[in-house]
Amino acid sequence: MGGRLLQDEVKKKNNDQTVNDLMKKTFPLRKKDIVVSQALIADICERWPALCTESQVCEEFARITAISLRSTFYQKLDQHTPKLLRLFEKKVGVHRDRISSVGQAEGGMYLVV
């Protein structure tokens, strides 16, 4: 069980719950691969392709720590946003003469230098 079935399921569409269930069941095998065998990341991604997806990275983090990775990330981002904005404003101020315009692409802003 485990690896081969999980690899096949990852290739299918709209089966996140099945992949998640299989990832829960195969956790001890991954732990052995990662901790005991000290497998390389490329080998881990080849053997456990779901683990290299955003959703399963978050799920694996929760399995290990019992903490939501996304919630923690956004909470810390909110906490540090004022400092990041001040730093950005300071950097833009220093290089304002090199910035010719500000544009928008795909809902985000970018600077043209």
PDB file of N, CA and C in Angstrom:
ATOM      1  N   MET A   1       0.838  -1.189   0.000  1.00  0.00           N
ATOM      2  CA  MET A   1       0.000   0.000   0.000  1.00  0.00           C
ATOM      3  C   MET A   1       0.875   1.242   0.000  1.00  0.00           C
ATOM      4  N   GLY A   2       0.271   2.346  -0.184  1.00  0.00           N
ATOM      5  CA  GLY A   2       0.971   3.595   0.023  1.00  0.00           C
ATOM      6  C   GLY A   2       1.428   4.251  -1.233  1.00  0.00           C
ATOM      7  N   GLY A   3       2.737   4.207  -1.452  1.00  0.00           N
ATOM      8  CA  GLY A   3       3.363   5.001  -2.476  1.00  0.00           C
ATOM      9  C   GLY A   3       2.747   4.928  -3.860  1.00  0.00           C
ATOM     10  N   ARG A   4       2.624   3.735  -4.420  1.00  0.00           N
ATOM     11  CA  ARG A   4       2.130   3.579  -5.791  1.00  0.00           C
ATOM     12  C   ARG A   4       0.686   4.046  -5.917  1.00  0.00           C
ATOM     13  N   LEU A   5      -0.179   3.623  -4.995  1.00  0.00           N
ATOM     14  CA  LEU A   5      -1.585   4.036  -5.024  1.00  0.00           C
ATOM     15  C   LEU A   5      -1.696   5.547  -4.882  1.00  0.00           C
ATOM     16  N   LEU A   6      -0.936   6.096  -3.993  1.00  0.00           N
ATOM     17  CA  LEU A   6      -0.952   7.547  -3.776  1.00  0.00           C
ATOM     18  C   LEU A   6      -0.471   8.286  -5.019  1.00  0.00           C
ATOM     19  N   GLN A   7       0.583   7.800  -5.653  1.00  0.00           N
ATOM     20  CA  GLN A   7       1.082   8.433  -6.873  1.00  0.00           C
ATOM     21  C   GLN A   7       0.013   8.428  -7.964  1.00  0.00           C
ATOM     22  N   ASP A   8      -0.713   7.324  -8.074  1.00  0.00           N
ATOM     23  CA  ASP A   8      -1.790   7.235  -9.073  1.00  0.00           C
ATOM     24  C   ASP A   8      -2.917   8.211  -8.756  1.00  0.00           C
ATOM     25  N   GLU A   9      -3.270   8.329  -7.495  1.00  0.00           N
ATOM     26  CA  GLU A   9      -4.362   9.214  -7.090  1.00  0.00           C
ATOM     27  C   GLU A   9      -4.017  10.691  -7.307  1.00  0.00           C
ATOM     28  N   VAL A  10      -2.766  11.049  -7.112  1.00  0.00           N
ATOM     29  CA  VAL A  10      -2.338  12.438  -7.280  1.00  0.00           C
ATOM     30  C   VAL A  10      -2.551  12.893  -8.717  1.00  0.00           C
ATOM     31  N   LYS A  11      -2.412  11.972  -9.662  1.00  0.00           N
ATOM     32  CA  LYS A  11      -2.554  12.303 -11.083  1.00  0.00           C
ATOM     33  C   LYS A  11      -4.002  12.585 -11.472  1.00  0.00           C
ATOM     34  N   LYS A  12      -4.953  12.117 -10.676  1.00  0.00           N
ATOM     35  CA  LYS A  12      -6.367  12.312 -10.977  1.00  0.00           C
ATOM     36  C   LYS A  12      -6.816  13.711 -10.571  1.00  0.00           C
ATOM     37  N   LYS A  13      -7.910  14.149 -11.146  1.00  0.00           N
ATOM     38  CA  LYS A  13      -8.477  15.468 -10.843  1.00  0.00           C
ATOM     39  C   LYS A  13      -9.571  15.333  -9.784  1.00  0.00           C
ATOM     40  N   ASN A  14      -9.753  16.384  -9.004  1.00  0.00           N
ATOM     41  CA  ASN A  14     -10.855  16.488  -8.043  1.00  0.00           C
ATOM     42  C   ASN A  14     -10.920  15.315  -7.066  1.00  0.00           C
ATOM     43  N   ASN A  15      -9.803  14.932  -6.531  1.00  0.00           N
ATOM     44  CA  ASN A  15      -9.789  13.850  -5.547  1.00  0.00           C
ATOM     45  C   ASN A  15      -8.963  14.229  -4.318  1.00  0.00           C
ATOM     46  N   ASP A  16      -9.041  15.490  -3.933  1.00  0.00           N
ATOM     47  CA  ASP A  16      -8.255  15.990  -2.807  1.00  0.00           C
ATOM     48  C   ASP A  16      -8.491  15.206  -1.529  1.00  0.00           C
ATOM     49  N   GLN A  17      -9.733  14.828  -1.280  1.00  0.00           N
ATOM     50  CA  GLN A  17     -10.042  14.099  -0.048  1.00  0.00           C
ATOM     51  C   GLN A  17      -9.387  12.716  -0.050  1.00  0.00           C
ATOM     52  N   THR A  18      -9.416  12.028  -1.185  1.00  0.00           N
ATOM     53  CA  THR A  18      -8.780  10.711  -1.289  1.00  0.00           C
ATOM     54  C   THR A  18      -7.275  10.832  -1.072  1.00  0.00           C
ATOM     55  N   VAL A  19      -6.666  11.830  -1.717  1.00  0.00           N
ATOM     56  CA  VAL A  19      -5.225  12.053  -1.548  1.00  0.00           C
ATOM     57  C   VAL A  19      -4.919  12.366  -0.090  1.00  0.00           C
ATOM     58  N   ASN A  20      -5.729  13.215   0.529  1.00  0.00           N
ATOM     59  CA  ASN A  20      -5.509  13.564   1.926  1.00  0.00           C
ATOM     60  C   ASN A  20      -5.612  12.336   2.830  1.00  0.00           C
ATOM     61  N   ASP A  21      -6.603  11.494   2.586  1.00  0.00           N
ATOM     62  CA  ASP A  21      -6.762  10.271   3.381  1.00  0.00           C
ATOM     63  C   ASP A  21      -5.550   9.348   3.222  1.00  0.00           C
ATOM     64  N   LEU A  22      -5.087   9.190   1.994  1.00  0.00           N
ATOM     65  CA  LEU A  22      -3.913   8.346   1.753  1.00  0.00           C
ATOM     66  C   LEU A  22      -2.656   8.943   2.378  1.00  0.00           C
ATOM     67  N   MET A  23      -2.547  10.258   2.341  1.00  0.00           N
ATOM     68  CA  MET A  23      -1.389  10.909   2.963  1.00  0.00           C
ATOM     69  C   MET A  23      -1.388  10.691   4.476  1.00  0.00           C
ATOM     70  N   LYS A  24      -2.572  10.723   5.080  1.00  0.00           N
ATOM     71  CA  LYS A  24      -2.658  10.443   6.522  1.00  0.00           C
ATOM     72  C   LYS A  24      -2.204   9.018   6.817  1.00  0.00           C
ATOM     73  N   LYS A  25      -2.648   8.081   5.992  1.00  0.00           N
ATOM     74  CA  LYS A  25      -2.322   6.671   6.216  1.00  0.00           C
ATOM     75  C   LYS A  25      -0.846   6.364   5.973  1.00  0.00           C
ATOM     76  N   THR A  26      -0.225   7.099   5.095  1.00  0.00           N
ATOM     77  CA  THR A  26       1.169   6.818   4.746  1.00  0.00           C
ATOM     78  C   THR A  26       2.169   7.710   5.482  1.00  0.00           C
ATOM     79  N   PHE A  27       1.703   8.469   6.442  1.00  0.00           N
ATOM     80  CA  PHE A  27       2.582   9.375   7.191  1.00  0.00           C
ATOM     81  C   PHE A  27       3.805   8.663   7.785  1.00  0.00           C
ATOM     82  N   PRO A  28       3.648   7.491   8.422  1.00  0.00           N
ATOM     83  CA  PRO A  28       4.839   6.825   8.991  1.00  0.00           C
ATOM     84  C   PRO A  28       5.896   6.474   7.939  1.00  0.00           C
ATOM     85  N   LEU A  29       5.459   6.123   6.731  1.00  0.00           N
ATOM     86  CA  LEU A  29       6.425   5.821   5.670  1.00  0.00           C
ATOM     87  C   LEU A  29       7.193   7.070   5.251  1.00  0.00           C
ATOM     88  N   ARG A  30       6.480   8.193   5.129  1.00  0.00           N
ATOM     89  CA  ARG A  30       7.150   9.451   4.781  1.00  0.00           C
ATOM     90  C   ARG A  30       8.110   9.884   5.879  1.00  0.00           C
ATOM     91  N   LYS A  31       7.676   9.718   7.109  1.00  0.00           N
ATOM     92  CA  LYS A  31       8.532  10.091   8.236  1.00  0.00           C
ATOM     93  C   LYS A  31       9.841   9.308   8.177  1.00  0.00           C
ATOM     94  N   LYS A  32       9.732   8.019   7.880  1.00  0.00           N
ATOM     95  CA  LYS A  32      10.935   7.197   7.765  1.00  0.00           C
ATOM     96  C   LYS A  32      11.806   7.696   6.609  1.00  0.00           C
ATOM     97  N   ASP A  33      11.192   7.964   5.452  1.00  0.00           N
ATOM     98  CA  ASP A  33      11.943   8.470   4.301  1.00  0.00           C
ATOM     99  C   ASP A  33      12.677   9.756   4.643  1.00  0.00           C
ATOM    100  N   ILE A  34      11.997  10.642   5.315  1.00  0.00           N
ATOM    101  CA  ILE A  34      12.547  11.978   5.551  1.00  0.00           C
ATOM    102  C   ILE A  34      13.507  12.006   6.734  1.00  0.00           C
ATOM    103  N   VAL A  35      13.101  11.423   7.844  1.00  0.00           N
ATOM    104  CA  VAL A  35      13.896  11.515   9.066  1.00  0.00           C
ATOM    105  C   VAL A  35      14.992  10.457   9.122  1.00  0.00           C
ATOM    106  N   VAL A  36      14.617   9.214   8.922  1.00  0.00           N
ATOM    107  CA  VAL A  36      15.586   8.128   9.075  1.00  0.00           C
ATOM    108  C   VAL A  36      16.495   8.012   7.849  1.00  0.00           C
ATOM    109  N   SER A  37      15.894   7.951   6.668  1.00  0.00           N
ATOM    110  CA  SER A  37      16.672   7.762   5.446  1.00  0.00           C
ATOM    111  C   SER A  37      17.325   9.041   4.963  1.00  0.00           C
ATOM    112  N   GLN A  38      16.851  10.176   5.442  1.00  0.00           N
ATOM    113  CA  GLN A  38      17.353  11.482   5.027  1.00  0.00           C
ATOM    114  C   GLN A  38      17.363  11.614   3.508  1.00  0.00           C
ATOM    115  N   ALA A  39      16.215  11.265   2.912  1.00  0.00           N
ATOM    116  CA  ALA A  39      16.075  11.318   1.463  1.00  0.00           C
ATOM    117  C   ALA A  39      16.184  12.758   0.963  1.00  0.00           C
ATOM    118  N   LEU A  40      16.659  12.910  -0.258  1.00  0.00           N
ATOM    119  CA  LEU A  40      16.751  14.225  -0.886  1.00  0.00           C
ATOM    120  C   LEU A  40      15.354  14.706  -1.265  1.00  0.00           C
ATOM    121  N   ILE A  41      15.177  16.016  -1.359  1.00  0.00           N
ATOM    122  CA  ILE A  41      13.872  16.586  -1.697  1.00  0.00           C
ATOM    123  C   ILE A  41      13.391  16.065  -3.042  1.00  0.00           C
ATOM    124  N   ALA A  42      14.279  15.964  -4.018  1.00  0.00           N
ATOM    125  CA  ALA A  42      13.885  15.459  -5.341  1.00  0.00           C
ATOM    126  C   ALA A  42      13.346  14.034  -5.229  1.00  0.00           C
ATOM    127  N   ASP A  43      13.975  13.217  -4.393  1.00  0.00           N
ATOM    128  CA  ASP A  43      13.510  11.835  -4.205  1.00  0.00           C
ATOM    129  C   ASP A  43      12.170  11.803  -3.490  1.00  0.00           C
ATOM    130  N   ILE A  44      11.999  12.686  -2.522  1.00  0.00           N
ATOM    131  CA  ILE A  44      10.730  12.749  -1.793  1.00  0.00           C
ATOM    132  C   ILE A  44       9.608  13.162  -2.729  1.00  0.00           C
ATOM    133  N   CYS A  45       9.860  14.175  -3.561  1.00  0.00           N
ATOM    134  CA  CYS A  45       8.835  14.634  -4.506  1.00  0.00           C
ATOM    135  C   CYS A  45       8.512  13.578  -5.552  1.00  0.00           C
ATOM    136  N   GLU A  46       9.483  12.772  -5.899  1.00  0.00           N
ATOM    137  CA  GLU A  46       9.228  11.697  -6.854  1.00  0.00           C
ATOM    138  C   GLU A  46       8.393  10.591  -6.209  1.00  0.00           C
ATOM    139  N   ARG A  47       8.732  10.236  -4.984  1.00  0.00           N
ATOM    140  CA  ARG A  47       8.015   9.161  -4.306  1.00  0.00           C
ATOM    141  C   ARG A  47       6.670   9.618  -3.744  1.00  0.00           C
ATOM    142  N   TRP A  48       6.607  10.867  -3.257  1.00  0.00           N
ATOM    143  CA  TRP A  48       5.402  11.414  -2.641  1.00  0.00           C
ATOM    144  C   TRP A  48       5.014  12.709  -3.363  1.00  0.00           C
ATOM    145  N   PRO A  49       4.560  12.643  -4.604  1.00  0.00           N
ATOM    146  CA  PRO A  49       4.295  13.862  -5.373  1.00  0.00           C
ATOM    147  C   PRO A  49       3.270  14.787  -4.728  1.00  0.00           C
ATOM    148  N   ALA A  50       2.340  14.245  -3.989  1.00  0.00           N
ATOM    149  CA  ALA A  50       1.341  15.096  -3.328  1.00  0.00           C
ATOM    150  C   ALA A  50       2.005  16.019  -2.314  1.00  0.00           C
ATOM    151  N   LEU A  51       3.091  15.577  -1.726  1.00  0.00           N
ATOM    152  CA  LEU A  51       3.773  16.370  -0.710  1.00  0.00           C
ATOM    153  C   LEU A  51       4.407  17.626  -1.298  1.00  0.00           C
ATOM    154  N   CYS A  52       4.497  17.686  -2.596  1.00  0.00           N
ATOM    155  CA  CYS A  52       5.073  18.861  -3.250  1.00  0.00           C
ATOM    156  C   CYS A  52       3.994  19.778  -3.810  1.00  0.00           C
ATOM    157  N   THR A  53       2.777  19.640  -3.295  1.00  0.00           N
ATOM    158  CA  THR A  53       1.693  20.550  -3.649  1.00  0.00           C
ATOM    159  C   THR A  53       1.416  21.448  -2.446  1.00  0.00           C
ATOM    160  N   GLU A  54       0.915  22.636  -2.721  1.00  0.00           N
ATOM    161  CA  GLU A  54       0.656  23.593  -1.643  1.00  0.00           C
ATOM    162  C   GLU A  54      -0.294  23.023  -0.599  1.00  0.00           C
ATOM    163  N   SER A  55      -1.375  22.407  -1.054  1.00  0.00           N
ATOM    164  CA  SER A  55      -2.378  21.912  -0.105  1.00  0.00           C
ATOM    165  C   SER A  55      -1.806  20.830   0.812  1.00  0.00           C
ATOM    166  N   GLN A  56      -0.985  19.934   0.264  1.00  0.00           N
ATOM    167  CA  GLN A  56      -0.435  18.867   1.098  1.00  0.00           C
ATOM    168  C   GLN A  56       0.727  19.333   1.964  1.00  0.00           C
ATOM    169  N   VAL A  57       1.437  20.365   1.546  1.00  0.00           N
ATOM    170  CA  VAL A  57       2.453  20.942   2.432  1.00  0.00           C
ATOM    171  C   VAL A  57       1.763  21.480   3.679  1.00  0.00           C
ATOM    172  N   CYS A  58       0.630  22.174   3.465  1.00  0.00           N
ATOM    173  CA  CYS A  58      -0.135  22.706   4.599  1.00  0.00           C
ATOM    174  C   CYS A  58      -0.694  21.585   5.472  1.00  0.00           C
ATOM    175  N   GLU A  59      -1.216  20.540   4.831  1.00  0.00           N
ATOM    176  CA  GLU A  59      -1.757  19.401   5.585  1.00  0.00           C
ATOM    177  C   GLU A  59      -0.658  18.678   6.370  1.00  0.00           C
ATOM    178  N   GLU A  60       0.495  18.491   5.752  1.00  0.00           N
ATOM    179  CA  GLU A  60       1.604  17.808   6.422  1.00  0.00           C
ATOM    180  C   GLU A  60       2.086  18.625   7.617  1.00  0.00           C
ATOM    181  N   PHE A  61       2.151  19.933   7.449  1.00  0.00           N
ATOM    182  CA  PHE A  61       2.535  20.811   8.549  1.00  0.00           C
ATOM    183  C   PHE A  61       1.558  20.638   9.716  1.00  0.00           C
ATOM    184  N   ALA A  62       0.269  20.584   9.401  1.00  0.00           N
ATOM    185  CA  ALA A  62      -0.749  20.398  10.447  1.00  0.00           C
ATOM    186  C   ALA A  62      -0.631  19.010  11.089  1.00  0.00           C
ATOM    187  N   ARG A  63      -0.313  17.989  10.278  1.00  0.00           N
ATOM    188  CA  ARG A  63      -0.148  16.637  10.848  1.00  0.00           C
ATOM    189  C   ARG A  63       1.012  16.600  11.835  1.00  0.00           C
ATOM    190  N   ILE A  64       2.071  17.338  11.531  1.00  0.00           N
ATOM    191  CA  ILE A  64       3.268  17.314  12.376  1.00  0.00           C
ATOM    192  C   ILE A  64       3.125  18.210  13.592  1.00  0.00           C
ATOM    193  N   THR A  65       2.533  19.402  13.400  1.00  0.00           N
ATOM    194  CA  THR A  65       2.539  20.406  14.472  1.00  0.00           C
ATOM    195  C   THR A  65       1.184  20.664  15.115  1.00  0.00           C
ATOM    196  N   ALA A  66       0.113  20.202  14.477  1.00  0.00           N
ATOM    197  CA  ALA A  66      -1.264  20.501  14.911  1.00  0.00           C
ATOM    198  C   ALA A  66      -1.562  22.003  14.844  1.00  0.00           C
ATOM    199  N   ILE A  67      -0.866  22.703  13.939  1.00  0.00           N
ATOM    200  CA  ILE A  67      -1.041  24.137  13.728  1.00  0.00           C
ATOM    201  C   ILE A  67      -1.352  24.363  12.253  1.00  0.00           C
ATOM    202  N   SER A  68      -2.269  25.279  11.978  1.00  0.00           N
ATOM    203  CA  SER A  68      -2.590  25.619  10.601  1.00  0.00           C
ATOM    204  C   SER A  68      -1.497  26.518  10.026  1.00  0.00           C
ATOM    205  N   LEU A  69      -0.844  26.049   8.988  1.00  0.00           N
ATOM    206  CA  LEU A  69       0.232  26.817   8.367  1.00  0.00           C
ATOM    207  C   LEU A  69      -0.289  28.108   7.761  1.00  0.00           C
ATOM    208  N   ARG A  70      -1.401  28.025   7.035  1.00  0.00           N
ATOM    209  CA  ARG A  70      -1.955  29.228   6.397  1.00  0.00           C
ATOM    210  C   ARG A  70      -2.351  30.282   7.426  1.00  0.00           C
ATOM    211  N   SER A  71      -3.071  29.871   8.453  1.00  0.00           N
ATOM    212  CA  SER A  71      -3.501  30.822   9.484  1.00  0.00           C
ATOM    213  C   SER A  71      -2.297  31.477  10.158  1.00  0.00           C
ATOM    214  N   THR A  72      -1.317  30.667  10.480  1.00  0.00           N
ATOM    215  CA  THR A  72      -0.116  31.188  11.129  1.00  0.00           C
ATOM    216  C   THR A  72       0.616  32.154  10.205  1.00  0.00           C
ATOM    217  N   PHE A  73       0.737  31.778   8.929  1.00  0.00           N
ATOM    218  CA  PHE A  73       1.407  32.641   7.964  1.00  0.00           C
ATOM    219  C   PHE A  73       0.698  33.984   7.853  1.00  0.00           C
ATOM    220  N   TYR A  74      -0.638  33.948   7.661  1.00  0.00           N
ATOM    221  CA  TYR A  74      -1.380  35.204   7.501  1.00  0.00           C
ATOM    222  C   TYR A  74      -1.361  36.041   8.781  1.00  0.00           C
ATOM    223  N   GLN A  75      -1.415  35.396   9.922  1.00  0.00           N
ATOM    224  CA  GLN A  75      -1.348  36.132  11.183  1.00  0.00           C
ATOM    225  C   GLN A  75       0.002  36.847  11.307  1.00  0.00           C
ATOM    226  N   LYS A  76       1.071  36.139  11.004  1.00  0.00           N
ATOM    227  CA  LYS A  76       2.403  36.749  11.082  1.00  0.00           C
ATOM    228  C   LYS A  76       2.588  37.816  10.002  1.00  0.00           C
ATOM    229  N   LEU A  77       2.017  37.592   8.826  1.00  0.00           N
ATOM    230  CA  LEU A  77       2.092  38.596   7.773  1.00  0.00           C
ATOM    231  C   LEU A  77       1.384  39.874   8.213  1.00  0.00           C
ATOM    232  N   ASP A  78       0.184  39.733   8.799  1.00  0.00           N
ATOM    233  CA  ASP A  78      -0.535  40.902   9.324  1.00  0.00           C
ATOM    234  C   ASP A  78       0.290  41.619  10.387  1.00  0.00           C
ATOM    235  N   GLN A  79       0.947  40.844  11.215  1.00  0.00           N
ATOM    236  CA  GLN A  79       1.761  41.412  12.292  1.00  0.00           C
ATOM    237  C   GLN A  79       2.941  42.206  11.722  1.00  0.00           C
ATOM    238  N   HIS A  80       3.546  41.732  10.647  1.00  0.00           N
ATOM    239  CA  HIS A  80       4.749  42.362  10.104  1.00  0.00           C
ATOM    240  C   HIS A  80       4.484  43.310   8.936  1.00  0.00           C
ATOM    241  N   THR A  81       3.242  43.394   8.464  1.00  0.00           N
ATOM    242  CA  THR A  81       2.931  44.251   7.315  1.00  0.00           C
ATOM    243  C   THR A  81       3.330  45.713   7.516  1.00  0.00           C
ATOM    244  N   PRO A  82       3.039  46.336   8.654  1.00  0.00           N
ATOM    245  CA  PRO A  82       3.453  47.738   8.814  1.00  0.00           C
ATOM    246  C   PRO A  82       4.963  47.939   8.613  1.00  0.00           C
ATOM    247  N   LYS A  83       5.783  47.044   9.175  1.00  0.00           N
ATOM    248  CA  LYS A  83       7.229  47.156   9.005  1.00  0.00           C
ATOM    249  C   LYS A  83       7.625  46.942   7.549  1.00  0.00           C
ATOM    250  N   LEU A  84       6.993  45.971   6.901  1.00  0.00           N
ATOM    251  CA  LEU A  84       7.298  45.702   5.501  1.00  0.00           C
ATOM    252  C   LEU A  84       6.946  46.905   4.625  1.00  0.00           C
ATOM    253  N   LEU A  85       5.808  47.523   4.899  1.00  0.00           N
ATOM    254  CA  LEU A  85       5.404  48.694   4.126  1.00  0.00           C
ATOM    255  C   LEU A  85       6.365  49.856   4.340  1.00  0.00           C
ATOM    256  N   ARG A  86       6.794  50.071   5.592  1.00  0.00           N
ATOM    257  CA  ARG A  86       7.761  51.135   5.855  1.00  0.00           C
ATOM    258  C   ARG A  86       9.079  50.864   5.129  1.00  0.00           C
ATOM    259  N   LEU A  87       9.520  49.623   5.163  1.00  0.00           N
ATOM    260  CA  LEU A  87      10.761  49.250   4.474  1.00  0.00           C
ATOM    261  C   LEU A  87      10.615  49.468   2.974  1.00  0.00           C
ATOM    262  N   PHE A  88       9.495  49.060   2.411  1.00  0.00           N
ATOM    263  CA  PHE A  88       9.242  49.246   0.986  1.00  0.00           C
ATOM    264  C   PHE A  88       9.234  50.727   0.624  1.00  0.00           C
ATOM    265  N   GLU A  89       8.539  51.525   1.431  1.00  0.00           N
ATOM    266  CA  GLU A  89       8.483  52.962   1.171  1.00  0.00           C
ATOM    267  C   GLU A  89       9.875  53.588   1.240  1.00  0.00           C
ATOM    268  N   LYS A  90      10.675  53.132   2.188  1.00  0.00           N
ATOM    269  CA  LYS A  90      12.041  53.656   2.320  1.00  0.00           C
ATOM    270  C   LYS A  90      12.871  53.279   1.090  1.00  0.00           C
ATOM    271  N   LYS A  91      12.758  52.033   0.642  1.00  0.00           N
ATOM    272  CA  LYS A  91      13.523  51.583  -0.529  1.00  0.00           C
ATOM    273  C   LYS A  91      13.062  52.315  -1.788  1.00  0.00           C
ATOM    274  N   VAL A  92      11.758  52.501  -1.944  1.00  0.00           N
ATOM    275  CA  VAL A  92      11.245  53.221  -3.103  1.00  0.00           C
ATOM    276  C   VAL A  92      11.725  54.658  -3.059  1.00  0.00           C
ATOM    277  N   GLY A  93      11.732  55.251  -1.887  1.00  0.00           N
ATOM    278  CA  GLY A  93      12.202  56.632  -1.752  1.00  0.00           C
ATOM    279  C   GLY A  93      13.640  56.791  -2.183  1.00  0.00           C
ATOM    280  N   VAL A  94      14.474  55.851  -1.831  1.00  0.00           N
ATOM    281  CA  VAL A  94      15.881  55.897  -2.191  1.00  0.00           C
ATOM    282  C   VAL A  94      16.059  55.775  -3.704  1.00  0.00           C
ATOM    283  N   HIS A  95      15.228  54.975  -4.344  1.00  0.00           N
ATOM    284  CA  HIS A  95      15.369  54.699  -5.779  1.00  0.00           C
ATOM    285  C   HIS A  95      14.289  55.370  -6.618  1.00  0.00           C
ATOM    286  N   ARG A  96      13.613  56.362  -6.048  1.00  0.00           N
ATOM    287  CA  ARG A  96      12.501  57.005  -6.755  1.00  0.00           C
ATOM    288  C   ARG A  96      12.931  57.561  -8.113  1.00  0.00           C
ATOM    289  N   ASP A  97      14.150  58.080  -8.203  1.00  0.00           N
ATOM    290  CA  ASP A  97      14.619  58.649  -9.469  1.00  0.00           C
ATOM    291  C   ASP A  97      14.809  57.584 -10.550  1.00  0.00           C
ATOM    292  N   ARG A  98      14.977  56.321 -10.157  1.00  0.00           N
ATOM    293  CA  ARG A  98      15.150  55.230 -11.122  1.00  0.00           C
ATOM    294  C   ARG A  98      13.818  54.629 -11.543  1.00  0.00           C
ATOM    295  N   ILE A  99      12.740  54.945 -10.843  1.00  0.00           N
ATOM    296  CA  ILE A  99      11.436  54.367 -11.137  1.00  0.00           C
ATOM    297  C   ILE A  99      10.691  55.302 -12.081  1.00  0.00           C
ATOM    298  N   SER A 100      10.380  54.788 -13.261  1.00  0.00           N
ATOM    299  CA  SER A 100       9.740  55.652 -14.248  1.00  0.00           C
ATOM    300  C   SER A 100       8.223  55.569 -14.194  1.00  0.00           C
ATOM    301  N   SER A 101       7.691  54.442 -13.779  1.00  0.00           N
ATOM    302  CA  SER A 101       6.235  54.345 -13.709  1.00  0.00           C
ATOM    303  C   SER A 101       5.821  53.168 -12.840  1.00  0.00           C
ATOM    304  N   VAL A 102       4.565  53.205 -12.460  1.00  0.00           N
ATOM    305  CA  VAL A 102       3.967  52.100 -11.707  1.00  0.00           C
ATOM    306  C   VAL A 102       2.821  51.585 -12.546  1.00  0.00           C
ATOM    307  N   GLY A 103       2.793  50.285 -12.769  1.00  0.00           N
ATOM    308  CA  GLY A 103       1.734  49.692 -13.586  1.00  0.00           C
ATOM    309  C   GLY A 103       1.025  48.587 -12.845  1.00  0.00           C
ATOM    310  N   GLN A 104       0.065  47.976 -13.509  1.00  0.00           N
ATOM    311  CA  GLN A 104      -0.659  46.862 -12.925  1.00  0.00           C
ATOM    312  C   GLN A 104      -0.665  45.709 -13.905  1.00  0.00           C
ATOM    313  N   ALA A 105      -0.505  44.508 -13.370  1.00  0.00           N
ATOM    314  CA  ALA A 105      -0.558  43.298 -14.188  1.00  0.00           C
ATOM    315  C   ALA A 105      -1.183  42.196 -13.369  1.00  0.00           C
ATOM    316  N   GLU A 106      -2.197  41.557 -13.921  1.00  0.00           N
ATOM    317  CA  GLU A 106      -2.870  40.434 -13.270  1.00  0.00           C
ATOM    318  C   GLU A 106      -3.233  40.731 -11.827  1.00  0.00           C
ATOM    319  N   GLY A 107      -3.796  41.879 -11.596  1.00  0.00           N
ATOM    320  CA  GLY A 107      -4.285  42.226 -10.256  1.00  0.00           C
ATOM    321  C   GLY A 107      -3.216  42.681  -9.291  1.00  0.00           C
ATOM    322  N   GLY A 108      -1.960  42.696  -9.684  1.00  0.00           N
ATOM    323  CA  GLY A 108      -0.906  43.127  -8.792  1.00  0.00           C
ATOM    324  C   GLY A 108      -0.193  44.336  -9.361  1.00  0.00           C
ATOM    325  N   MET A 109       0.571  44.982  -8.538  1.00  0.00           N
ATOM    326  CA  MET A 109       1.308  46.151  -8.992  1.00  0.00           C
ATOM    327  C   MET A 109       2.737  45.753  -9.281  1.00  0.00           C
ATOM    328  N   TYR A 110       3.355  46.469 -10.200  1.00  0.00           N
ATOM    329  CA  TYR A 110       4.761  46.279 -10.467  1.00  0.00           C
ATOM    330  C   TYR A 110       5.397  47.631 -10.757  1.00  0.00           C
ATOM    331  N   LEU A 111       6.675  47.710 -10.558  1.00  0.00           N
ATOM    332  CA  LEU A 111       7.410  48.951 -10.810  1.00  0.00           C
ATOM    333  C   LEU A 111       8.221  48.778 -12.081  1.00  0.00           C
ATOM    334  N   VAL A 112       8.228  49.812 -12.913  1.00  0.00           N
ATOM    335  CA  VAL A 112       9.042  49.808 -14.120  1.00  0.00           C
ATOM    336  C   VAL A 112      10.243  50.688 -13.842  1.00  0.00           C
ATOM    337  N   VAL A 113      11.441  50.116 -13.932  1.00  0.00           N
ATOM    338  CA  VAL A 113      12.662  50.887 -13.682  1.00  0.00           C
ATOM    339  C   VAL A 113      13.452  51.061 -14.955  1.00  0.00           C
TER     340      VAL A 113
END
